[in-house]
Amino acid sequence: MKRIVTALSVVALLFISTSCKDKAIAKINSDNVEVASNRDAAQKKIPVMSFDKSEHDFGTIEQGTPQETIFKFTNTGDAPLIITDAKSSCGCTVPEYPKNTPIAPGDSGELLVKFNGSGQNLVTKTVTVTANTAKGSELLRIKAFVNPKGTVAVAGPVKG
């Protein structure tokens, strides 16, 4: 009796497992497989943000004299580039950029950086650009030698 019950259990398990497999294979839609494959391939495409320069030197300026520079960039990747944020290391530097605007592969854009000329002596500020690149962010720098108001800039060593 035990053998009959065991044999029937084994046959029932085999029947259930093969019928489930048959149903699973029948449910696969080849169109869905193709869509998933295309989606996965598209996710492997990544934008790359290539700047013409990563640092700008304003040289010697008088304190309080506003300065501006433009950092030009190109999307050298193979997916649309989207800049989501650009922050400076202090309030004296303000970046302006094409926020949340897709930049197609091969296209270029500009990031304007305004510096109000505050500080004294050698001043270095950074701007962190957050985008959908592999690195996630890019770092740009500006620097200037800021002389106090009303002083004369010295071009080189003073010989006496």
N, C-alpha and C. Protein backbone atom coordinates (compact mmCIF):
# COMPACT_ATOMS: atom_id res chain seq x y z
N MET A 1 0.82 -1.19 0.00
CA MET A 1 0.00 0.00 0.00
C MET A 1 0.86 1.26 0.00
N LYS A 2 1.92 1.19 0.83
CA LYS A 2 2.81 2.35 0.89
C LYS A 2 3.47 2.59 -0.46
N ARG A 3 3.77 1.52 -1.16
CA ARG A 3 4.42 1.65 -2.47
C ARG A 3 3.49 2.30 -3.48
N ILE A 4 2.24 1.97 -3.41
CA ILE A 4 1.26 2.53 -4.34
C ILE A 4 1.10 4.03 -4.08
N VAL A 5 1.02 4.42 -2.82
CA VAL A 5 0.88 5.84 -2.46
C VAL A 5 2.12 6.61 -2.88
N THR A 6 3.28 6.03 -2.64
CA THR A 6 4.54 6.68 -3.02
C THR A 6 4.62 6.81 -4.54
N ALA A 7 4.28 5.80 -5.26
CA ALA A 7 4.32 5.83 -6.71
C ALA A 7 3.35 6.87 -7.27
N LEU A 8 2.16 6.91 -6.72
CA LEU A 8 1.18 7.91 -7.17
C LEU A 8 1.65 9.34 -6.86
N SER A 9 2.31 9.52 -5.72
CA SER A 9 2.85 10.84 -5.36
C SER A 9 3.92 11.29 -6.34
N VAL A 10 4.80 10.37 -6.69
CA VAL A 10 5.87 10.69 -7.65
C VAL A 10 5.27 11.05 -9.00
N VAL A 11 4.31 10.28 -9.47
CA VAL A 11 3.66 10.55 -10.76
C VAL A 11 2.95 11.90 -10.71
N ALA A 12 2.30 12.21 -9.62
CA ALA A 12 1.60 13.49 -9.49
C ALA A 12 2.58 14.65 -9.51
N LEU A 13 3.70 14.51 -8.82
CA LEU A 13 4.73 15.55 -8.82
C LEU A 13 5.30 15.77 -10.21
N LEU A 14 5.59 14.71 -10.92
CA LEU A 14 6.10 14.83 -12.29
C LEU A 14 5.09 15.53 -13.19
N PHE A 15 3.84 15.17 -13.06
CA PHE A 15 2.79 15.78 -13.87
C PHE A 15 2.67 17.28 -13.58
N ILE A 16 2.70 17.64 -12.30
CA ILE A 16 2.56 19.05 -11.91
C ILE A 16 3.76 19.86 -12.39
N SER A 17 4.98 19.33 -12.20
CA SER A 17 6.17 20.09 -12.57
C SER A 17 6.27 20.25 -14.09
N THR A 18 5.92 19.28 -14.87
CA THR A 18 6.00 19.43 -16.32
C THR A 18 4.88 20.31 -16.83
N SER A 19 3.72 20.25 -16.24
CA SER A 19 2.63 21.10 -16.71
C SER A 19 2.91 22.57 -16.39
N CYS A 20 3.57 22.85 -15.26
CA CYS A 20 3.93 24.23 -14.92
C CYS A 20 4.97 24.78 -15.90
N LYS A 21 5.92 23.95 -16.27
CA LYS A 21 6.95 24.38 -17.22
C LYS A 21 6.33 24.68 -18.58
N ASP A 22 5.42 23.83 -18.99
CA ASP A 22 4.78 24.05 -20.29
C ASP A 22 4.02 25.38 -20.28
N LYS A 23 3.35 25.67 -19.19
CA LYS A 23 2.59 26.91 -19.11
C LYS A 23 3.51 28.12 -19.09
N ALA A 24 4.65 28.03 -18.41
CA ALA A 24 5.59 29.15 -18.34
C ALA A 24 6.18 29.45 -19.72
N ILE A 25 6.55 28.44 -20.44
CA ILE A 25 7.11 28.64 -21.78
C ILE A 25 6.07 29.25 -22.70
N ALA A 26 4.83 28.85 -22.55
CA ALA A 26 3.77 29.39 -23.41
C ALA A 26 3.50 30.86 -23.11
N LYS A 27 3.84 31.31 -21.90
CA LYS A 27 3.56 32.69 -21.53
C LYS A 27 4.62 33.69 -22.02
N ILE A 28 5.75 33.21 -22.50
CA ILE A 28 6.81 34.10 -22.97
C ILE A 28 6.37 34.74 -24.28
N ASN A 29 6.38 36.06 -24.29
CA ASN A 29 6.00 36.82 -25.48
C ASN A 29 7.27 37.35 -26.12
N SER A 30 7.54 36.96 -27.35
CA SER A 30 8.79 37.36 -28.02
C SER A 30 8.88 38.87 -28.19
N ASP A 31 7.76 39.56 -28.32
CA ASP A 31 7.78 41.03 -28.41
C ASP A 31 8.30 41.65 -27.11
N ASN A 32 7.88 41.09 -25.97
CA ASN A 32 8.35 41.59 -24.67
C ASN A 32 9.85 41.36 -24.50
N VAL A 33 10.34 40.23 -24.99
CA VAL A 33 11.77 39.94 -24.89
C VAL A 33 12.56 40.97 -25.70
N GLU A 34 12.07 41.31 -26.87
CA GLU A 34 12.74 42.31 -27.71
C GLU A 34 12.71 43.70 -27.06
N VAL A 35 11.59 44.08 -26.50
CA VAL A 35 11.48 45.37 -25.82
C VAL A 35 12.45 45.44 -24.63
N ALA A 36 12.52 44.37 -23.85
CA ALA A 36 13.42 44.32 -22.70
C ALA A 36 14.88 44.39 -23.15
N SER A 37 15.19 43.72 -24.23
CA SER A 37 16.56 43.74 -24.76
C SER A 37 16.94 45.15 -25.21
N ASN A 38 16.04 45.83 -25.91
CA ASN A 38 16.30 47.21 -26.34
C ASN A 38 16.43 48.15 -25.16
N ARG A 39 15.59 47.97 -24.15
CA ARG A 39 15.66 48.79 -22.94
C ARG A 39 17.00 48.61 -22.24
N ASP A 40 17.43 47.38 -22.11
CA ASP A 40 18.71 47.10 -21.45
C ASP A 40 19.88 47.70 -22.23
N ALA A 41 19.82 47.64 -23.55
CA ALA A 41 20.89 48.23 -24.37
C ALA A 41 20.90 49.75 -24.23
N ALA A 42 19.72 50.36 -24.15
CA ALA A 42 19.64 51.82 -23.99
C ALA A 42 20.18 52.27 -22.64
N GLN A 43 20.00 51.44 -21.61
CA GLN A 43 20.49 51.80 -20.28
C GLN A 43 22.01 51.76 -20.20
N LYS A 44 22.64 51.07 -21.12
CA LYS A 44 24.10 51.00 -21.13
C LYS A 44 24.71 52.25 -21.77
N LYS A 45 23.90 53.04 -22.46
CA LYS A 45 24.38 54.27 -23.07
C LYS A 45 24.47 55.35 -22.00
N ILE A 46 25.61 56.03 -21.96
CA ILE A 46 25.86 57.01 -20.90
C ILE A 46 26.36 58.31 -21.51
N PRO A 47 25.85 59.46 -21.03
CA PRO A 47 26.39 60.74 -21.50
C PRO A 47 27.75 61.00 -20.86
N VAL A 48 28.59 61.73 -21.58
CA VAL A 48 29.90 62.12 -21.08
C VAL A 48 30.02 63.63 -21.25
N MET A 49 30.34 64.31 -20.16
CA MET A 49 30.45 65.77 -20.17
C MET A 49 31.92 66.14 -20.32
N SER A 50 32.29 66.70 -21.48
CA SER A 50 33.67 67.09 -21.76
C SER A 50 33.76 68.61 -21.81
N PHE A 51 34.54 69.19 -20.88
CA PHE A 51 34.70 70.64 -20.80
C PHE A 51 35.91 71.10 -21.61
N ASP A 52 35.85 72.34 -22.13
CA ASP A 52 37.00 72.91 -22.83
C ASP A 52 38.10 73.28 -21.85
N LYS A 53 37.73 73.50 -20.59
CA LYS A 53 38.68 73.78 -19.51
C LYS A 53 38.02 73.42 -18.20
N SER A 54 38.82 73.08 -17.21
CA SER A 54 38.25 72.75 -15.90
C SER A 54 38.60 73.82 -14.87
N GLU A 55 39.44 74.78 -15.27
CA GLU A 55 39.84 75.86 -14.36
C GLU A 55 39.99 77.16 -15.14
N HIS A 56 39.62 78.26 -14.49
CA HIS A 56 39.79 79.58 -15.09
C HIS A 56 40.47 80.50 -14.08
N ASP A 57 41.50 81.20 -14.54
CA ASP A 57 42.23 82.14 -13.70
C ASP A 57 41.89 83.56 -14.16
N PHE A 58 41.27 84.34 -13.27
CA PHE A 58 40.93 85.73 -13.59
C PHE A 58 42.16 86.64 -13.49
N GLY A 59 43.25 86.12 -12.96
CA GLY A 59 44.46 86.93 -12.78
C GLY A 59 44.32 87.81 -11.55
N THR A 60 44.95 89.00 -11.59
CA THR A 60 44.89 89.93 -10.47
C THR A 60 43.74 90.89 -10.69
N ILE A 61 42.86 90.98 -9.69
CA ILE A 61 41.70 91.87 -9.78
C ILE A 61 41.62 92.72 -8.52
N GLU A 62 40.85 93.80 -8.62
CA GLU A 62 40.61 94.65 -7.45
C GLU A 62 39.41 94.10 -6.69
N GLN A 63 39.48 94.11 -5.39
CA GLN A 63 38.41 93.60 -4.53
C GLN A 63 37.08 94.24 -4.89
N GLY A 64 36.05 93.44 -5.00
CA GLY A 64 34.71 93.92 -5.31
C GLY A 64 34.43 94.07 -6.79
N THR A 65 35.38 93.74 -7.64
CA THR A 65 35.18 93.84 -9.09
C THR A 65 34.57 92.52 -9.60
N PRO A 66 33.33 92.55 -10.07
CA PRO A 66 32.68 91.32 -10.55
C PRO A 66 33.41 90.75 -11.76
N GLN A 67 33.46 89.43 -11.81
CA GLN A 67 34.10 88.71 -12.91
C GLN A 67 33.15 87.63 -13.41
N GLU A 68 33.30 87.27 -14.68
CA GLU A 68 32.50 86.19 -15.27
C GLU A 68 33.38 85.37 -16.19
N THR A 69 33.07 84.10 -16.29
CA THR A 69 33.72 83.24 -17.27
C THR A 69 32.71 82.18 -17.72
N ILE A 70 32.95 81.64 -18.89
CA ILE A 70 32.08 80.61 -19.44
C ILE A 70 32.88 79.32 -19.58
N PHE A 71 32.33 78.25 -19.05
CA PHE A 71 32.90 76.92 -19.24
C PHE A 71 32.04 76.25 -20.32
N LYS A 72 32.63 75.99 -21.47
CA LYS A 72 31.91 75.33 -22.56
C LYS A 72 32.10 73.82 -22.42
N PHE A 73 31.03 73.09 -22.70
CA PHE A 73 31.09 71.63 -22.62
C PHE A 73 30.38 71.01 -23.80
N THR A 74 30.75 69.75 -24.07
CA THR A 74 30.14 68.97 -25.15
C THR A 74 29.75 67.62 -24.58
N ASN A 75 28.61 67.12 -25.01
CA ASN A 75 28.20 65.77 -24.64
C ASN A 75 28.88 64.81 -25.62
N THR A 76 29.97 64.18 -25.20
CA THR A 76 30.70 63.26 -26.06
C THR A 76 30.26 61.81 -25.83
N GLY A 77 29.20 61.62 -25.08
CA GLY A 77 28.69 60.28 -24.83
C GLY A 77 27.68 59.88 -25.87
N ASP A 78 26.90 58.84 -25.56
CA ASP A 78 25.92 58.34 -26.52
C ASP A 78 24.50 58.33 -25.97
N ALA A 79 24.25 59.22 -25.00
CA ALA A 79 22.90 59.37 -24.44
C ALA A 79 22.71 60.85 -24.09
N PRO A 80 21.48 61.32 -23.99
CA PRO A 80 21.25 62.73 -23.63
C PRO A 80 21.83 63.07 -22.25
N LEU A 81 22.48 64.22 -22.18
CA LEU A 81 23.09 64.72 -20.95
C LEU A 81 22.10 65.65 -20.26
N ILE A 82 21.92 65.46 -18.95
CA ILE A 82 21.02 66.33 -18.18
C ILE A 82 21.75 66.81 -16.94
N ILE A 83 21.92 68.14 -16.85
CA ILE A 83 22.53 68.74 -15.66
C ILE A 83 21.41 69.01 -14.68
N THR A 84 21.51 68.42 -13.50
CA THR A 84 20.45 68.58 -12.52
C THR A 84 20.78 69.64 -11.47
N ASP A 85 22.08 69.97 -11.33
CA ASP A 85 22.45 70.96 -10.32
C ASP A 85 23.87 71.46 -10.57
N ALA A 86 24.14 72.66 -10.11
CA ALA A 86 25.49 73.22 -10.11
C ALA A 86 25.58 74.11 -8.88
N LYS A 87 26.50 73.78 -7.98
CA LYS A 87 26.63 74.53 -6.72
C LYS A 87 28.07 75.00 -6.57
N SER A 88 28.20 76.21 -6.03
CA SER A 88 29.53 76.74 -5.77
C SER A 88 29.91 76.51 -4.31
N SER A 89 31.20 76.68 -4.05
CA SER A 89 31.69 76.45 -2.69
C SER A 89 31.35 77.59 -1.74
N CYS A 90 30.90 78.74 -2.28
CA CYS A 90 30.44 79.83 -1.41
C CYS A 90 29.46 80.72 -2.17
N GLY A 91 28.85 81.63 -1.46
CA GLY A 91 27.84 82.51 -2.05
C GLY A 91 28.41 83.59 -2.96
N CYS A 92 29.72 83.77 -2.98
CA CYS A 92 30.33 84.80 -3.82
C CYS A 92 30.46 84.35 -5.27
N THR A 93 30.17 83.08 -5.52
CA THR A 93 30.27 82.51 -6.86
C THR A 93 28.92 81.90 -7.24
N VAL A 94 28.41 82.30 -8.41
CA VAL A 94 27.09 81.85 -8.82
C VAL A 94 27.16 81.21 -10.21
N PRO A 95 26.82 79.92 -10.32
CA PRO A 95 26.79 79.28 -11.64
C PRO A 95 25.41 79.38 -12.28
N GLU A 96 25.39 79.58 -13.59
CA GLU A 96 24.15 79.55 -14.37
C GLU A 96 24.32 78.48 -15.43
N TYR A 97 23.33 77.61 -15.57
CA TYR A 97 23.46 76.44 -16.44
C TYR A 97 22.11 76.02 -16.99
N PRO A 98 22.10 75.20 -18.04
CA PRO A 98 20.83 74.71 -18.59
C PRO A 98 20.26 73.58 -17.73
N LYS A 99 19.51 73.94 -16.71
CA LYS A 99 19.01 72.96 -15.73
C LYS A 99 17.93 72.07 -16.35
N ASN A 100 18.11 70.76 -16.15
CA ASN A 100 17.15 69.74 -16.59
C ASN A 100 16.78 69.85 -18.07
N THR A 101 17.70 70.35 -18.89
CA THR A 101 17.49 70.46 -20.33
C THR A 101 18.35 69.39 -21.01
N PRO A 102 17.73 68.42 -21.67
CA PRO A 102 18.52 67.37 -22.32
C PRO A 102 19.44 67.95 -23.40
N ILE A 103 20.70 67.53 -23.36
CA ILE A 103 21.67 67.94 -24.37
C ILE A 103 22.06 66.67 -25.11
N ALA A 104 21.70 66.62 -26.38
CA ALA A 104 21.88 65.42 -27.19
C ALA A 104 23.36 65.09 -27.39
N PRO A 105 23.68 63.83 -27.65
CA PRO A 105 25.06 63.46 -27.94
C PRO A 105 25.61 64.30 -29.10
N GLY A 106 26.79 64.85 -28.90
CA GLY A 106 27.42 65.69 -29.92
C GLY A 106 27.10 67.17 -29.77
N ASP A 107 26.06 67.51 -29.02
CA ASP A 107 25.69 68.91 -28.82
C ASP A 107 26.52 69.53 -27.71
N SER A 108 26.56 70.86 -27.70
CA SER A 108 27.34 71.60 -26.71
C SER A 108 26.45 72.52 -25.88
N GLY A 109 27.01 72.99 -24.79
CA GLY A 109 26.31 73.93 -23.92
C GLY A 109 27.32 74.78 -23.18
N GLU A 110 26.80 75.70 -22.39
CA GLU A 110 27.67 76.61 -21.63
C GLU A 110 27.21 76.71 -20.19
N LEU A 111 28.19 76.87 -19.31
CA LEU A 111 27.93 77.09 -17.90
C LEU A 111 28.63 78.41 -17.54
N LEU A 112 27.85 79.41 -17.21
CA LEU A 112 28.37 80.73 -16.85
C LEU A 112 28.64 80.77 -15.35
N VAL A 113 29.84 81.23 -14.98
CA VAL A 113 30.18 81.35 -13.57
C VAL A 113 30.48 82.81 -13.27
N LYS A 114 29.73 83.36 -12.31
CA LYS A 114 29.91 84.74 -11.88
C LYS A 114 30.58 84.77 -10.52
N PHE A 115 31.62 85.61 -10.39
CA PHE A 115 32.36 85.76 -9.14
C PHE A 115 32.31 87.24 -8.77
N ASN A 116 31.92 87.55 -7.52
CA ASN A 116 31.72 88.95 -7.15
C ASN A 116 33.00 89.67 -6.73
N GLY A 117 34.13 89.00 -6.76
CA GLY A 117 35.41 89.66 -6.46
C GLY A 117 35.69 89.83 -4.98
N SER A 118 35.01 89.08 -4.13
CA SER A 118 35.25 89.22 -2.70
C SER A 118 36.46 88.40 -2.28
N GLY A 119 36.93 88.66 -1.10
CA GLY A 119 38.09 87.96 -0.58
C GLY A 119 39.33 88.82 -0.69
N GLN A 120 40.46 88.22 -0.38
CA GLN A 120 41.73 88.93 -0.46
C GLN A 120 42.83 87.93 -0.73
N ASN A 121 43.86 88.38 -1.44
CA ASN A 121 44.99 87.54 -1.84
C ASN A 121 44.50 86.45 -2.79
N LEU A 122 45.10 85.28 -2.74
CA LEU A 122 44.71 84.22 -3.66
C LEU A 122 43.39 83.60 -3.22
N VAL A 123 42.42 83.65 -4.11
CA VAL A 123 41.08 83.12 -3.84
C VAL A 123 40.81 82.02 -4.87
N THR A 124 40.41 80.86 -4.39
CA THR A 124 40.05 79.74 -5.26
C THR A 124 38.67 79.25 -4.87
N LYS A 125 37.80 79.12 -5.84
CA LYS A 125 36.43 78.65 -5.60
C LYS A 125 36.15 77.47 -6.52
N THR A 126 35.27 76.58 -6.08
CA THR A 126 34.90 75.44 -6.90
C THR A 126 33.41 75.46 -7.22
N VAL A 127 33.08 74.86 -8.35
CA VAL A 127 31.69 74.67 -8.75
C VAL A 127 31.53 73.18 -9.03
N THR A 128 30.59 72.55 -8.35
CA THR A 128 30.31 71.14 -8.55
C THR A 128 29.08 71.02 -9.44
N VAL A 129 29.26 70.39 -10.60
CA VAL A 129 28.19 70.21 -11.57
C VAL A 129 27.69 68.77 -11.45
N THR A 130 26.41 68.61 -11.12
CA THR A 130 25.80 67.29 -10.97
C THR A 130 25.02 66.97 -12.24
N ALA A 131 25.31 65.81 -12.83
CA ALA A 131 24.66 65.42 -14.08
C ALA A 131 24.50 63.90 -14.11
N ASN A 132 23.83 63.41 -15.13
CA ASN A 132 23.57 61.98 -15.26
C ASN A 132 24.72 61.25 -15.97
N THR A 133 25.94 61.61 -15.64
CA THR A 133 27.12 60.97 -16.21
C THR A 133 27.53 59.77 -15.35
N ALA A 134 28.50 59.01 -15.81
CA ALA A 134 28.98 57.86 -15.04
C ALA A 134 29.58 58.31 -13.72
N LYS A 135 30.32 59.42 -13.73
CA LYS A 135 30.91 59.94 -12.49
C LYS A 135 29.88 60.60 -11.60
N GLY A 136 28.84 61.15 -12.19
CA GLY A 136 27.78 61.79 -11.40
C GLY A 136 28.00 63.27 -11.16
N SER A 137 29.26 63.71 -11.15
CA SER A 137 29.54 65.14 -10.95
C SER A 137 30.89 65.51 -11.57
N GLU A 138 31.01 66.76 -11.88
CA GLU A 138 32.25 67.33 -12.43
C GLU A 138 32.63 68.50 -11.55
N LEU A 139 33.92 68.74 -11.40
CA LEU A 139 34.41 69.81 -10.55
C LEU A 139 35.12 70.85 -11.41
N LEU A 140 34.68 72.11 -11.30
CA LEU A 140 35.29 73.23 -12.02
C LEU A 140 35.87 74.19 -10.99
N ARG A 141 36.94 74.92 -11.37
CA ARG A 141 37.56 75.86 -10.44
C ARG A 141 37.73 77.23 -11.09
N ILE A 142 37.60 78.24 -10.26
CA ILE A 142 37.99 79.59 -10.66
C ILE A 142 38.96 80.09 -9.61
N LYS A 143 39.86 80.96 -10.03
CA LYS A 143 40.78 81.55 -9.06
C LYS A 143 41.13 82.95 -9.51
N ALA A 144 41.55 83.75 -8.53
CA ALA A 144 41.97 85.13 -8.77
C ALA A 144 42.85 85.57 -7.62
N PHE A 145 43.72 86.52 -7.91
CA PHE A 145 44.46 87.18 -6.84
C PHE A 145 43.75 88.50 -6.60
N VAL A 146 43.14 88.65 -5.43
CA VAL A 146 42.30 89.81 -5.12
C VAL A 146 43.09 90.81 -4.29
N ASN A 147 43.30 91.99 -4.86
CA ASN A 147 43.96 93.09 -4.14
C ASN A 147 42.91 93.94 -3.44
N PRO A 148 43.20 94.47 -2.28
CA PRO A 148 42.27 95.37 -1.60
C PRO A 148 41.96 96.57 -2.49
N LYS A 149 40.78 97.14 -2.32
CA LYS A 149 40.38 98.32 -3.11
C LYS A 149 41.39 99.44 -2.94
N GLY A 150 41.69 100.09 -4.05
CA GLY A 150 42.56 101.27 -4.01
C GLY A 150 44.05 100.96 -4.02
N THR A 151 44.42 99.68 -4.11
CA THR A 151 45.86 99.36 -4.17
C THR A 151 46.26 99.12 -5.62
N VAL A 152 47.53 99.31 -5.89
CA VAL A 152 48.05 99.10 -7.24
C VAL A 152 48.54 97.67 -7.34
N ALA A 153 48.16 97.01 -8.42
CA ALA A 153 48.60 95.64 -8.62
C ALA A 153 50.07 95.63 -9.03
N VAL A 154 50.82 94.75 -8.44
CA VAL A 154 52.23 94.61 -8.76
C VAL A 154 52.36 93.47 -9.75
N ALA A 155 53.02 93.74 -10.88
CA ALA A 155 53.13 92.75 -11.95
C ALA A 155 54.20 91.71 -11.69
N GLY A 156 55.17 92.00 -10.86
CA GLY A 156 56.25 91.05 -10.63
C GLY A 156 57.04 91.45 -9.41
N PRO A 157 58.18 90.82 -9.19
CA PRO A 157 58.98 91.17 -8.03
C PRO A 157 59.49 92.61 -8.12
N VAL A 158 59.47 93.28 -6.99
CA VAL A 158 59.93 94.67 -6.93
C VAL A 158 61.42 94.68 -6.71
N LYS A 159 62.12 95.39 -7.60
CA LYS A 159 63.59 95.48 -7.49
C LYS A 159 63.93 96.84 -6.93
N GLY A 160 64.85 96.89 -6.01
CA GLY A 160 65.13 98.17 -5.39
C GLY A 160 66.49 98.55 -5.43
